[in-house]
Amino acid sequence: MNLNHDKDGVTYAVLSYLMWGFTPIYWKLVHHVAPGEILAQRVFWSFIFMLILLLITKKWRTYITFVKEIMKKPSLFWSLFTASVLISANWGIFM
């Protein structure tokens, strides 16, 4: 057992609990914004962040190949599509 990994795990757990603890304060501060708008912003900025990350790491060609492979397998495409719809619904309900 690696002690550093244990310490990292505890650190990440504490940080995640702190983040979730501050979440109600965040929602209180943005109560005037429609949940659909928050969800749309989340999707948009996640997409922009992903593009920047792909450009910085120079993995955009790998990503394009991955997307092409998904498009060749309809069952995988629909599984991922369903997962994305469920995650979006989850966040919409949560907000």
PDB file of N, CA and C in Angstrom:
ATOM      1  N   MET A   1       0.854  -1.177   0.000  1.00  0.00           N
ATOM      2  CA  MET A   1       0.000   0.000   0.000  1.00  0.00           C
ATOM      3  C   MET A   1       0.897   1.236   0.000  1.00  0.00           C
ATOM      4  N   ASN A   2       0.608   2.168  -0.884  1.00  0.00           N
ATOM      5  CA  ASN A   2       1.400   3.383  -1.005  1.00  0.00           C
ATOM      6  C   ASN A   2       0.796   4.465  -0.128  1.00  0.00           C
ATOM      7  N   LEU A   3       1.561   4.941   0.835  1.00  0.00           N
ATOM      8  CA  LEU A   3       1.075   5.934   1.790  1.00  0.00           C
ATOM      9  C   LEU A   3       0.750   7.262   1.123  1.00  0.00           C
ATOM     10  N   ASN A   4       1.505   7.638   0.080  1.00  0.00           N
ATOM     11  CA  ASN A   4       1.235   8.898  -0.619  1.00  0.00           C
ATOM     12  C   ASN A   4      -0.130   8.877  -1.294  1.00  0.00           C
ATOM     13  N   HIS A   5      -0.495   7.727  -1.861  1.00  0.00           N
ATOM     14  CA  HIS A   5      -1.808   7.614  -2.501  1.00  0.00           C
ATOM     15  C   HIS A   5      -2.922   7.734  -1.464  1.00  0.00           C
ATOM     16  N   ASP A   6      -2.700   7.186  -0.269  1.00  0.00           N
ATOM     17  CA  ASP A   6      -3.695   7.296   0.795  1.00  0.00           C
ATOM     18  C   ASP A   6      -3.883   8.754   1.211  1.00  0.00           C
ATOM     19  N   LYS A   7      -2.766   9.462   1.358  1.00  0.00           N
ATOM     20  CA  LYS A   7      -2.847  10.875   1.729  1.00  0.00           C
ATOM     21  C   LYS A   7      -3.527  11.691   0.633  1.00  0.00           C
ATOM     22  N   ASP A   8      -3.215  11.378  -0.622  1.00  0.00           N
ATOM     23  CA  ASP A   8      -3.866  12.069  -1.738  1.00  0.00           C
ATOM     24  C   ASP A   8      -5.365  11.825  -1.712  1.00  0.00           C
ATOM     25  N   GLY A   9      -5.755  10.580  -1.458  1.00  0.00           N
ATOM     26  CA  GLY A   9      -7.174  10.245  -1.414  1.00  0.00           C
ATOM     27  C   GLY A   9      -7.902  11.008  -0.326  1.00  0.00           C
ATOM     28  N   VAL A  10      -7.309  11.081   0.838  1.00  0.00           N
ATOM     29  CA  VAL A  10      -7.924  11.822   1.953  1.00  0.00           C
ATOM     30  C   VAL A  10      -8.016  13.304   1.605  1.00  0.00           C
ATOM     31  N   THR A  11      -6.962  13.842   1.023  1.00  0.00           N
ATOM     32  CA  THR A  11      -6.962  15.253   0.636  1.00  0.00           C
ATOM     33  C   THR A  11      -8.069  15.538  -0.372  1.00  0.00           C
ATOM     34  N   TYR A  12      -8.179  14.704  -1.398  1.00  0.00           N
ATOM     35  CA  TYR A  12      -9.222  14.902  -2.412  1.00  0.00           C
ATOM     36  C   TYR A  12     -10.617  14.741  -1.820  1.00  0.00           C
ATOM     37  N   ALA A  13     -10.775  13.800  -0.904  1.00  0.00           N
ATOM     38  CA  ALA A  13     -12.082  13.607  -0.262  1.00  0.00           C
ATOM     39  C   ALA A  13     -12.466  14.845   0.542  1.00  0.00           C
ATOM     40  N   VAL A  14     -11.538  15.374   1.323  1.00  0.00           N
ATOM     41  CA  VAL A  14     -11.816  16.577   2.124  1.00  0.00           C
ATOM     42  C   VAL A  14     -12.145  17.755   1.218  1.00  0.00           C
ATOM     43  N   LEU A  15     -11.375  17.930   0.157  1.00  0.00           N
ATOM     44  CA  LEU A  15     -11.646  19.031  -0.769  1.00  0.00           C
ATOM     45  C   LEU A  15     -13.011  18.887  -1.442  1.00  0.00           C
ATOM     46  N   SER A  16     -13.376  17.679  -1.812  1.00  0.00           N
ATOM     47  CA  SER A  16     -14.681  17.490  -2.462  1.00  0.00           C
ATOM     48  C   SER A  16     -15.818  17.753  -1.480  1.00  0.00           C
ATOM     49  N   TYR A  17     -15.667  17.324  -0.230  1.00  0.00           N
ATOM     50  CA  TYR A  17     -16.698  17.618   0.768  1.00  0.00           C
ATOM     51  C   TYR A  17     -16.809  19.115   1.026  1.00  0.00           C
ATOM     52  N   LEU A  18     -15.685  19.804   1.041  1.00  0.00           N
ATOM     53  CA  LEU A  18     -15.719  21.262   1.212  1.00  0.00           C
ATOM     54  C   LEU A  18     -16.420  21.938   0.042  1.00  0.00           C
ATOM     55  N   MET A  19     -16.100  21.466  -1.178  1.00  0.00           N
ATOM     56  CA  MET A  19     -16.755  22.026  -2.358  1.00  0.00           C
ATOM     57  C   MET A  19     -18.258  21.847  -2.280  1.00  0.00           C
ATOM     58  N   TRP A  20     -18.700  20.639  -1.951  1.00  0.00           N
ATOM     59  CA  TRP A  20     -20.145  20.383  -1.850  1.00  0.00           C
ATOM     60  C   TRP A  20     -20.749  21.158  -0.696  1.00  0.00           C
ATOM     61  N   GLY A  21     -19.972  21.416   0.327  1.00  0.00           N
ATOM     62  CA  GLY A  21     -20.466  22.210   1.454  1.00  0.00           C
ATOM     63  C   GLY A  21     -20.741  23.654   1.068  1.00  0.00           C
ATOM     64  N   PHE A  22     -19.943  24.186   0.153  1.00  0.00           N
ATOM     65  CA  PHE A  22     -20.136  25.569  -0.299  1.00  0.00           C
ATOM     66  C   PHE A  22     -21.146  25.692  -1.438  1.00  0.00           C
ATOM     67  N   THR A  23     -21.581  24.587  -1.987  1.00  0.00           N
ATOM     68  CA  THR A  23     -22.532  24.612  -3.096  1.00  0.00           C
ATOM     69  C   THR A  23     -23.826  25.367  -2.773  1.00  0.00           C
ATOM     70  N   PRO A  24     -24.437  25.176  -1.598  1.00  0.00           N
ATOM     71  CA  PRO A  24     -25.663  25.937  -1.293  1.00  0.00           C
ATOM     72  C   PRO A  24     -25.450  27.457  -1.314  1.00  0.00           C
ATOM     73  N   ILE A  25     -24.271  27.903  -0.920  1.00  0.00           N
ATOM     74  CA  ILE A  25     -23.972  29.340  -0.970  1.00  0.00           C
ATOM     75  C   ILE A  25     -23.955  29.807  -2.422  1.00  0.00           C
ATOM     76  N   TYR A  26     -23.355  29.015  -3.283  1.00  0.00           N
ATOM     77  CA  TYR A  26     -23.303  29.351  -4.708  1.00  0.00           C
ATOM     78  C   TYR A  26     -24.712  29.457  -5.276  1.00  0.00           C
ATOM     79  N   TRP A  27     -25.552  28.445  -4.992  1.00  0.00           N
ATOM     80  CA  TRP A  27     -26.913  28.463  -5.542  1.00  0.00           C
ATOM     81  C   TRP A  27     -27.700  29.655  -5.008  1.00  0.00           C
ATOM     82  N   LYS A  28     -27.448  30.043  -3.786  1.00  0.00           N
ATOM     83  CA  LYS A  28     -28.131  31.209  -3.211  1.00  0.00           C
ATOM     84  C   LYS A  28     -27.708  32.486  -3.953  1.00  0.00           C
ATOM     85  N   LEU A  29     -26.440  32.566  -4.315  1.00  0.00           N
ATOM     86  CA  LEU A  29     -25.937  33.747  -5.013  1.00  0.00           C
ATOM     87  C   LEU A  29     -26.456  33.865  -6.444  1.00  0.00           C
ATOM     88  N   VAL A  30     -26.780  32.735  -7.068  1.00  0.00           N
ATOM     89  CA  VAL A  30     -27.244  32.763  -8.463  1.00  0.00           C
ATOM     90  C   VAL A  30     -28.721  32.397  -8.590  1.00  0.00           C
ATOM     91  N   HIS A  31     -29.486  32.615  -7.525  1.00  0.00           N
ATOM     92  CA  HIS A  31     -30.905  32.230  -7.545  1.00  0.00           C
ATOM     93  C   HIS A  31     -31.711  32.984  -8.600  1.00  0.00           C
ATOM     94  N   HIS A  32     -31.235  34.157  -9.018  1.00  0.00           N
ATOM     95  CA  HIS A  32     -31.951  34.957 -10.008  1.00  0.00           C
ATOM     96  C   HIS A  32     -31.724  34.478 -11.450  1.00  0.00           C
ATOM     97  N   VAL A  33     -30.796  33.543 -11.651  1.00  0.00           N
ATOM     98  CA  VAL A  33     -30.492  33.034 -12.986  1.00  0.00           C
ATOM     99  C   VAL A  33     -31.298  31.750 -13.213  1.00  0.00           C
ATOM    100  N   ALA A  34     -31.900  31.642 -14.386  1.00  0.00           N
ATOM    101  CA  ALA A  34     -32.710  30.464 -14.716  1.00  0.00           C
ATOM    102  C   ALA A  34     -31.835  29.208 -14.770  1.00  0.00           C
ATOM    103  N   PRO A  35     -32.344  28.088 -14.250  1.00  0.00           N
ATOM    104  CA  PRO A  35     -31.561  26.842 -14.270  1.00  0.00           C
ATOM    105  C   PRO A  35     -31.143  26.422 -15.680  1.00  0.00           C
ATOM    106  N   GLY A  36     -32.002  26.648 -16.664  1.00  0.00           N
ATOM    107  CA  GLY A  36     -31.648  26.298 -18.043  1.00  0.00           C
ATOM    108  C   GLY A  36     -30.450  27.082 -18.543  1.00  0.00           C
ATOM    109  N   GLU A  37     -30.381  28.343 -18.140  1.00  0.00           N
ATOM    110  CA  GLU A  37     -29.244  29.173 -18.542  1.00  0.00           C
ATOM    111  C   GLU A  37     -27.953  28.689 -17.879  1.00  0.00           C
ATOM    112  N   ILE A  38     -28.033  28.314 -16.617  1.00  0.00           N
ATOM    113  CA  ILE A  38     -26.856  27.790 -15.922  1.00  0.00           C
ATOM    114  C   ILE A  38     -26.382  26.507 -16.598  1.00  0.00           C
ATOM    115  N   LEU A  39     -27.334  25.634 -16.933  1.00  0.00           N
ATOM    116  CA  LEU A  39     -26.982  24.386 -17.599  1.00  0.00           C
ATOM    117  C   LEU A  39     -26.360  24.646 -18.967  1.00  0.00           C
ATOM    118  N   ALA A  40     -26.932  25.594 -19.722  1.00  0.00           N
ATOM    119  CA  ALA A  40     -26.387  25.934 -21.040  1.00  0.00           C
ATOM    120  C   ALA A  40     -24.972  26.505 -20.911  1.00  0.00           C
ATOM    121  N   GLN A  41     -24.762  27.367 -19.921  1.00  0.00           N
ATOM    122  CA  GLN A  41     -23.422  27.927 -19.695  1.00  0.00           C
ATOM    123  C   GLN A  41     -22.430  26.819 -19.339  1.00  0.00           C
ATOM    124  N   ARG A  42     -22.882  25.893 -18.525  1.00  0.00           N
ATOM    125  CA  ARG A  42     -22.022  24.785 -18.110  1.00  0.00           C
ATOM    126  C   ARG A  42     -21.597  23.947 -19.320  1.00  0.00           C
ATOM    127  N   VAL A  43     -22.546  23.652 -20.190  1.00  0.00           N
ATOM    128  CA  VAL A  43     -22.245  22.871 -21.393  1.00  0.00           C
ATOM    129  C   VAL A  43     -21.293  23.649 -22.299  1.00  0.00           C
ATOM    130  N   PHE A  44     -21.602  24.924 -22.534  1.00  0.00           N
ATOM    131  CA  PHE A  44     -20.796  25.752 -23.429  1.00  0.00           C
ATOM    132  C   PHE A  44     -19.360  25.879 -22.931  1.00  0.00           C
ATOM    133  N   TRP A  45     -19.178  26.257 -21.667  1.00  0.00           N
ATOM    134  CA  TRP A  45     -17.826  26.476 -21.158  1.00  0.00           C
ATOM    135  C   TRP A  45     -17.054  25.173 -20.986  1.00  0.00           C
ATOM    136  N   SER A  46     -17.753  24.075 -20.738  1.00  0.00           N
ATOM    137  CA  SER A  46     -17.068  22.771 -20.690  1.00  0.00           C
ATOM    138  C   SER A  46     -16.523  22.421 -22.072  1.00  0.00           C
ATOM    139  N   PHE A  47     -17.315  22.715 -23.098  1.00  0.00           N
ATOM    140  CA  PHE A  47     -16.880  22.456 -24.474  1.00  0.00           C
ATOM    141  C   PHE A  47     -15.651  23.301 -24.819  1.00  0.00           C
ATOM    142  N   ILE A  48     -15.690  24.593 -24.477  1.00  0.00           N
ATOM    143  CA  ILE A  48     -14.546  25.481 -24.745  1.00  0.00           C
ATOM    144  C   ILE A  48     -13.314  24.997 -23.989  1.00  0.00           C
ATOM    145  N   PHE A  49     -13.489  24.633 -22.716  1.00  0.00           N
ATOM    146  CA  PHE A  49     -12.375  24.133 -21.916  1.00  0.00           C
ATOM    147  C   PHE A  49     -11.778  22.874 -22.547  1.00  0.00           C
ATOM    148  N   MET A  50     -12.658  21.964 -23.020  1.00  0.00           N
ATOM    149  CA  MET A  50     -12.191  20.737 -23.656  1.00  0.00           C
ATOM    150  C   MET A  50     -11.375  21.055 -24.908  1.00  0.00           C
ATOM    151  N   LEU A  51     -11.857  21.990 -25.725  1.00  0.00           N
ATOM    152  CA  LEU A  51     -11.111  22.357 -26.932  1.00  0.00           C
ATOM    153  C   LEU A  51      -9.734  22.911 -26.594  1.00  0.00           C
ATOM    154  N   ILE A  52      -9.685  23.796 -25.616  1.00  0.00           N
ATOM    155  CA  ILE A  52      -8.398  24.379 -25.200  1.00  0.00           C
ATOM    156  C   ILE A  52      -7.461  23.282 -24.694  1.00  0.00           C
ATOM    157  N   LEU A  53      -8.004  22.386 -23.876  1.00  0.00           N
ATOM    158  CA  LEU A  53      -7.201  21.298 -23.337  1.00  0.00           C
ATOM    159  C   LEU A  53      -6.670  20.396 -24.446  1.00  0.00           C
ATOM    160  N   LEU A  54      -7.507  20.108 -25.443  1.00  0.00           N
ATOM    161  CA  LEU A  54      -7.061  19.281 -26.567  1.00  0.00           C
ATOM    162  C   LEU A  54      -5.967  19.983 -27.367  1.00  0.00           C
ATOM    163  N   LEU A  55      -6.094  21.293 -27.532  1.00  0.00           N
ATOM    164  CA  LEU A  55      -5.072  22.036 -28.274  1.00  0.00           C
ATOM    165  C   LEU A  55      -3.756  22.105 -27.503  1.00  0.00           C
ATOM    166  N   ILE A  56      -3.840  22.338 -26.195  1.00  0.00           N
ATOM    167  CA  ILE A  56      -2.626  22.445 -25.386  1.00  0.00           C
ATOM    168  C   ILE A  56      -1.889  21.101 -25.339  1.00  0.00           C
ATOM    169  N   THR A  57      -2.638  20.021 -25.155  1.00  0.00           N
ATOM    170  CA  THR A  57      -2.008  18.697 -25.052  1.00  0.00           C
ATOM    171  C   THR A  57      -1.715  18.074 -26.412  1.00  0.00           C
ATOM    172  N   LYS A  58      -2.161  18.745 -27.477  1.00  0.00           N
ATOM    173  CA  LYS A  58      -1.952  18.276 -28.848  1.00  0.00           C
ATOM    174  C   LYS A  58      -2.529  16.883 -29.072  1.00  0.00           C
ATOM    175  N   LYS A  59      -3.695  16.635 -28.488  1.00  0.00           N
ATOM    176  CA  LYS A  59      -4.354  15.334 -28.631  1.00  0.00           C
ATOM    177  C   LYS A  59      -5.616  15.436 -29.484  1.00  0.00           C
ATOM    178  N   TRP A  60      -5.773  16.510 -30.230  1.00  0.00           N
ATOM    179  CA  TRP A  60      -7.000  16.687 -30.998  1.00  0.00           C
ATOM    180  C   TRP A  60      -7.150  15.635 -32.086  1.00  0.00           C
ATOM    181  N   ARG A  61      -6.033  15.179 -32.656  1.00  0.00           N
ATOM    182  CA  ARG A  61      -6.122  14.124 -33.683  1.00  0.00           C
ATOM    183  C   ARG A  61      -6.607  12.813 -33.072  1.00  0.00           C
ATOM    184  N   THR A  62      -6.136  12.508 -31.870  1.00  0.00           N
ATOM    185  CA  THR A  62      -6.592  11.313 -31.162  1.00  0.00           C
ATOM    186  C   THR A  62      -8.083  11.413 -30.896  1.00  0.00           C
ATOM    187  N   TYR A  63      -8.536  12.586 -30.496  1.00  0.00           N
ATOM    188  CA  TYR A  63      -9.953  12.808 -30.213  1.00  0.00           C
ATOM    189  C   TYR A  63     -10.797  12.627 -31.476  1.00  0.00           C
ATOM    190  N   ILE A  64     -10.338  13.169 -32.591  1.00  0.00           N
ATOM    191  CA  ILE A  64     -11.078  13.043 -33.850  1.00  0.00           C
ATOM    192  C   ILE A  64     -11.180  11.572 -34.255  1.00  0.00           C
ATOM    193  N   THR A  65     -10.095  10.833 -34.104  1.00  0.00           N
ATOM    194  CA  THR A  65     -10.109   9.400 -34.394  1.00  0.00           C
ATOM    195  C   THR A  65     -11.106   8.681 -33.493  1.00  0.00           C
ATOM    196  N   PHE A  66     -11.121   9.048 -32.219  1.00  0.00           N
ATOM    197  CA  PHE A  66     -12.046   8.460 -31.255  1.00  0.00           C
ATOM    198  C   PHE A  66     -13.497   8.728 -31.660  1.00  0.00           C
ATOM    199  N   VAL A  67     -13.795   9.957 -32.057  1.00  0.00           N
ATOM    200  CA  VAL A  67     -15.158  10.312 -32.477  1.00  0.00           C
ATOM    201  C   VAL A  67     -15.554   9.525 -33.723  1.00  0.00           C
ATOM    202  N   LYS A  68     -14.629   9.378 -34.668  1.00  0.00           N
ATOM    203  CA  LYS A  68     -14.921   8.595 -35.879  1.00  0.00           C
ATOM    204  C   LYS A  68     -15.240   7.142 -35.531  1.00  0.00           C
ATOM    205  N   GLU A  69     -14.498   6.578 -34.587  1.00  0.00           N
ATOM    206  CA  GLU A  69     -14.749   5.199 -34.167  1.00  0.00           C
ATOM    207  C   GLU A  69     -16.119   5.070 -33.508  1.00  0.00           C
ATOM    208  N   ILE A  70     -16.495   6.065 -32.717  1.00  0.00           N
ATOM    209  CA  ILE A  70     -17.816   6.041 -32.073  1.00  0.00           C
ATOM    210  C   ILE A  70     -18.918   6.096 -33.127  1.00  0.00           C
ATOM    211  N   MET A  71     -18.729   6.910 -34.134  1.00  0.00           N
ATOM    212  CA  MET A  71     -19.743   7.051 -35.181  1.00  0.00           C
ATOM    213  C   MET A  71     -19.912   5.758 -35.992  1.00  0.00           C
ATOM    214  N   LYS A  72     -18.876   4.923 -36.037  1.00  0.00           N
ATOM    215  CA  LYS A  72     -18.957   3.652 -36.763  1.00  0.00           C
ATOM    216  C   LYS A  72     -19.728   2.585 -35.976  1.00  0.00           C
ATOM    217  N   LYS A  73     -19.885   2.816 -34.662  1.00  0.00           N
ATOM    218  CA  LYS A  73     -20.549   1.837 -33.796  1.00  0.00           C
ATOM    219  C   LYS A  73     -21.821   2.470 -33.221  1.00  0.00           C
ATOM    220  N   PRO A  74     -22.953   2.265 -33.887  1.00  0.00           N
ATOM    221  CA  PRO A  74     -24.202   2.897 -33.442  1.00  0.00           C
ATOM    222  C   PRO A  74     -24.580   2.593 -31.996  1.00  0.00           C
ATOM    223  N   SER A  75     -24.324   1.383 -31.536  1.00  0.00           N
ATOM    224  CA  SER A  75     -24.701   1.045 -30.156  1.00  0.00           C
ATOM    225  C   SER A  75     -23.889   1.866 -29.150  1.00  0.00           C
ATOM    226  N   LEU A  76     -22.604   2.059 -29.436  1.00  0.00           N
ATOM    227  CA  LEU A  76     -21.759   2.877 -28.562  1.00  0.00           C
ATOM    228  C   LEU A  76     -22.196   4.337 -28.618  1.00  0.00           C
ATOM    229  N   PHE A  77     -22.495   4.823 -29.824  1.00  0.00           N
ATOM    230  CA  PHE A  77     -22.962   6.204 -29.972  1.00  0.00           C
ATOM    231  C   PHE A  77     -24.216   6.445 -29.145  1.00  0.00           C
ATOM    232  N   TRP A  78     -25.209   5.546 -29.270  1.00  0.00           N
ATOM    233  CA  TRP A  78     -26.469   5.743 -28.555  1.00  0.00           C
ATOM    234  C   TRP A  78     -26.297   5.568 -27.048  1.00  0.00           C
ATOM    235  N   SER A  79     -25.378   4.736 -26.644  1.00  0.00           N
ATOM    236  CA  SER A  79     -25.087   4.598 -25.208  1.00  0.00           C
ATOM    237  C   SER A  79     -24.528   5.904 -24.652  1.00  0.00           C
ATOM    238  N   LEU A  80     -23.567   6.491 -25.366  1.00  0.00           N
ATOM    239  CA  LEU A  80     -22.981   7.756 -24.930  1.00  0.00           C
ATOM    240  C   LEU A  80     -23.996   8.899 -25.001  1.00  0.00           C
ATOM    241  N   PHE A  81     -24.824   8.890 -26.029  1.00  0.00           N
ATOM    242  CA  PHE A  81     -25.856   9.905 -26.168  1.00  0.00           C
ATOM    243  C   PHE A  81     -26.841   9.819 -24.998  1.00  0.00           C
ATOM    244  N   THR A  82     -27.271   8.599 -24.676  1.00  0.00           N
ATOM    245  CA  THR A  82     -28.195   8.406 -23.553  1.00  0.00           C
ATOM    246  C   THR A  82     -27.562   8.852 -22.241  1.00  0.00           C
ATOM    247  N   ALA A  83     -26.291   8.515 -22.040  1.00  0.00           N
ATOM    248  CA  ALA A  83     -25.591   8.933 -20.824  1.00  0.00           C
ATOM    249  C   ALA A  83     -25.530  10.452 -20.726  1.00  0.00           C
ATOM    250  N   SER A  84     -25.275  11.124 -21.844  1.00  0.00           N
ATOM    251  CA  SER A  84     -25.193  12.592 -21.811  1.00  0.00           C
ATOM    252  C   SER A  84     -26.555  13.216 -21.527  1.00  0.00           C
ATOM    253  N   VAL A  85     -27.618  12.638 -22.071  1.00  0.00           N
ATOM    254  CA  VAL A  85     -28.969  13.147 -21.790  1.00  0.00           C
ATOM    255  C   VAL A  85     -29.308  12.946 -20.312  1.00  0.00           C
ATOM    256  N   LEU A  86     -28.964  11.782 -19.770  1.00  0.00           N
ATOM    257  CA  LEU A  86     -29.249  11.518 -18.360  1.00  0.00           C
ATOM    258  C   LEU A  86     -28.451  12.435 -17.435  1.00  0.00           C
ATOM    259  N   ILE A  87     -27.192  12.691 -17.768  1.00  0.00           N
ATOM    260  CA  ILE A  87     -26.383  13.604 -16.959  1.00  0.00           C
ATOM    261  C   ILE A  87     -26.959  15.023 -17.025  1.00  0.00           C
ATOM    262  N   SER A  88     -27.378  15.449 -18.207  1.00  0.00           N
ATOM    263  CA  SER A  88     -27.986  16.768 -18.346  1.00  0.00           C
ATOM    264  C   SER A  88     -29.294  16.857 -17.556  1.00  0.00           C
ATOM    265  N   ALA A  89     -30.095  15.812 -17.626  1.00  0.00           N
ATOM    266  CA  ALA A  89     -31.350  15.785 -16.851  1.00  0.00           C
ATOM    267  C   ALA A  89     -31.042  15.814 -15.353  1.00  0.00           C
ATOM    268  N   ASN A  90     -30.042  15.077 -14.944  1.00  0.00           N
ATOM    269  CA  ASN A  90     -29.644  15.064 -13.535  1.00  0.00           C
ATOM    270  C   ASN A  90     -29.296  16.469 -13.064  1.00  0.00           C
ATOM    271  N   TRP A  91     -28.476  17.169 -13.845  1.00  0.00           N
ATOM    272  CA  TRP A  91     -28.081  18.526 -13.459  1.00  0.00           C
ATOM    273  C   TRP A  91     -29.284  19.486 -13.512  1.00  0.00           C
ATOM    274  N   GLY A  92     -30.136  19.310 -14.503  1.00  0.00           N
ATOM    275  CA  GLY A  92     -31.326  20.161 -14.594  1.00  0.00           C
ATOM    276  C   GLY A  92     -32.236  19.982 -13.384  1.00  0.00           C
ATOM    277  N   ILE A  93     -32.417  18.738 -12.948  1.00  0.00           N
ATOM    278  CA  ILE A  93     -33.243  18.466 -11.781  1.00  0.00           C
ATOM    279  C   ILE A  93     -32.556  18.964 -10.523  1.00  0.00           C
ATOM    280  N   PHE A  94     -31.249  18.765 -10.439  1.00  0.00           N
ATOM    281  CA  PHE A  94     -30.481  19.187  -9.260  1.00  0.00           C
ATOM    282  C   PHE A  94     -30.571  20.695  -9.053  1.00  0.00           C
ATOM    283  N   MET A  95     -30.527  21.427 -10.156  1.00  0.00           N
ATOM    284  CA  MET A  95     -30.572  22.893 -10.022  1.00  0.00           C
ATOM    285  C   MET A  95     -31.972  23.352  -9.703  1.00  0.00           C
TER     286      MET A  95
END
